[in-house]
Amino acid sequence: MNKHTNNPMHGIKLQQIVEDLEKHFGWEELDRRMKMNCFASNPSVKSTLKFLRTTPWAREKVEKLWLSSFKS
């Protein structure tokens, strides 16, 4: 049995998550919802990925928003 069967994030890259959220909400709305500087100060996919890869609490928050927005 595949141990990833119940993991909704399996196979989803962080870059895809950030791109989906930016396209759906835009940087301003992401900042309003999550209050992270990576969405407020010169936001880009590249800088956001760098921040999220080194900040576990922020990555978790972004993943939860993605799940609630696209996997419900």
Protein backbone atom coordinates (compact mmCIF):
# COMPACT_ATOMS: atom_id res chain seq x y z
CA MET A 1 0.00 0.00 0.00
CA ASN A 2 1.25 3.48 -0.88
CA LYS A 3 2.03 5.48 2.25
CA HIS A 4 1.17 8.74 0.43
CA THR A 5 -2.41 7.77 -0.41
CA ASN A 6 -3.93 9.96 2.31
CA ASN A 7 -1.53 12.88 1.87
CA PRO A 8 -3.28 15.54 -0.26
CA MET A 9 0.05 17.36 -0.71
CA HIS A 10 1.82 14.34 -2.24
CA GLY A 11 3.20 15.22 -5.66
CA ILE A 12 2.41 18.93 -5.34
CA LYS A 13 5.46 21.18 -5.63
CA LEU A 14 5.76 24.28 -3.47
CA GLN A 15 6.26 26.38 -6.60
CA GLN A 16 2.90 25.19 -7.96
CA ILE A 17 1.22 26.07 -4.65
CA VAL A 18 2.65 29.61 -4.69
CA GLU A 19 1.76 30.12 -8.36
CA ASP A 20 -1.80 28.84 -7.84
CA LEU A 21 -2.36 31.09 -4.83
CA GLU A 22 -0.89 34.16 -6.52
CA LYS A 23 -3.02 33.63 -9.61
CA HIS A 24 -6.17 33.06 -7.55
CA PHE A 25 -5.74 35.71 -4.82
CA GLY A 26 -2.95 38.05 -5.93
CA TRP A 27 -0.08 39.25 -3.73
CA GLU A 28 -2.14 41.92 -1.93
CA GLU A 29 -4.83 39.49 -0.84
CA LEU A 30 -2.25 36.90 0.23
CA ASP A 31 -0.59 39.55 2.40
CA ARG A 32 -3.95 40.58 3.85
CA ARG A 33 -4.82 36.97 4.71
CA MET A 34 -1.44 35.85 6.06
CA LYS A 35 0.56 38.97 6.95
CA MET A 36 3.91 37.79 5.60
CA ASN A 37 6.51 40.19 4.28
CA CYS A 38 7.20 37.93 1.30
CA PHE A 39 3.74 38.89 -0.02
CA ALA A 40 4.03 42.60 0.81
CA SER A 41 7.55 43.76 -0.07
CA ASN A 42 8.42 43.29 -3.76
CA PRO A 43 6.69 39.89 -3.96
CA SER A 44 7.77 37.32 -6.51
CA VAL A 45 7.47 33.56 -6.79
CA LYS A 46 11.25 33.19 -6.40
CA SER A 47 11.54 35.28 -3.22
CA THR A 48 8.44 33.69 -1.71
CA LEU A 49 9.80 30.19 -2.36
CA LYS A 50 13.11 31.10 -0.72
CA PHE A 51 11.28 32.36 2.37
CA LEU A 52 8.88 29.41 2.60
CA ARG A 53 11.65 26.83 2.21
CA THR A 54 13.45 28.24 5.26
CA THR A 55 10.40 29.05 7.39
CA PRO A 56 8.36 25.95 8.32
CA TRP A 57 5.49 27.80 10.07
CA ALA A 58 4.95 30.01 7.02
CA ARG A 59 5.07 27.08 4.61
CA GLU A 60 2.47 25.25 6.71
CA LYS A 61 0.18 28.29 6.63
CA VAL A 62 0.51 28.61 2.84
CA GLU A 63 -0.12 24.89 2.33
CA LYS A 64 -3.25 25.04 4.50
CA LEU A 65 -4.62 27.96 2.48
CA TRP A 66 -3.90 26.10 -0.75
CA LEU A 67 -5.63 22.96 0.53
CA SER A 68 -8.71 24.88 1.68
CA SER A 69 -8.85 26.81 -1.59
CA PHE A 70 -8.21 24.06 -4.14
CA LYS A 71 -8.77 20.66 -2.50
CA SER A 72 -12.12 21.05 -0.76
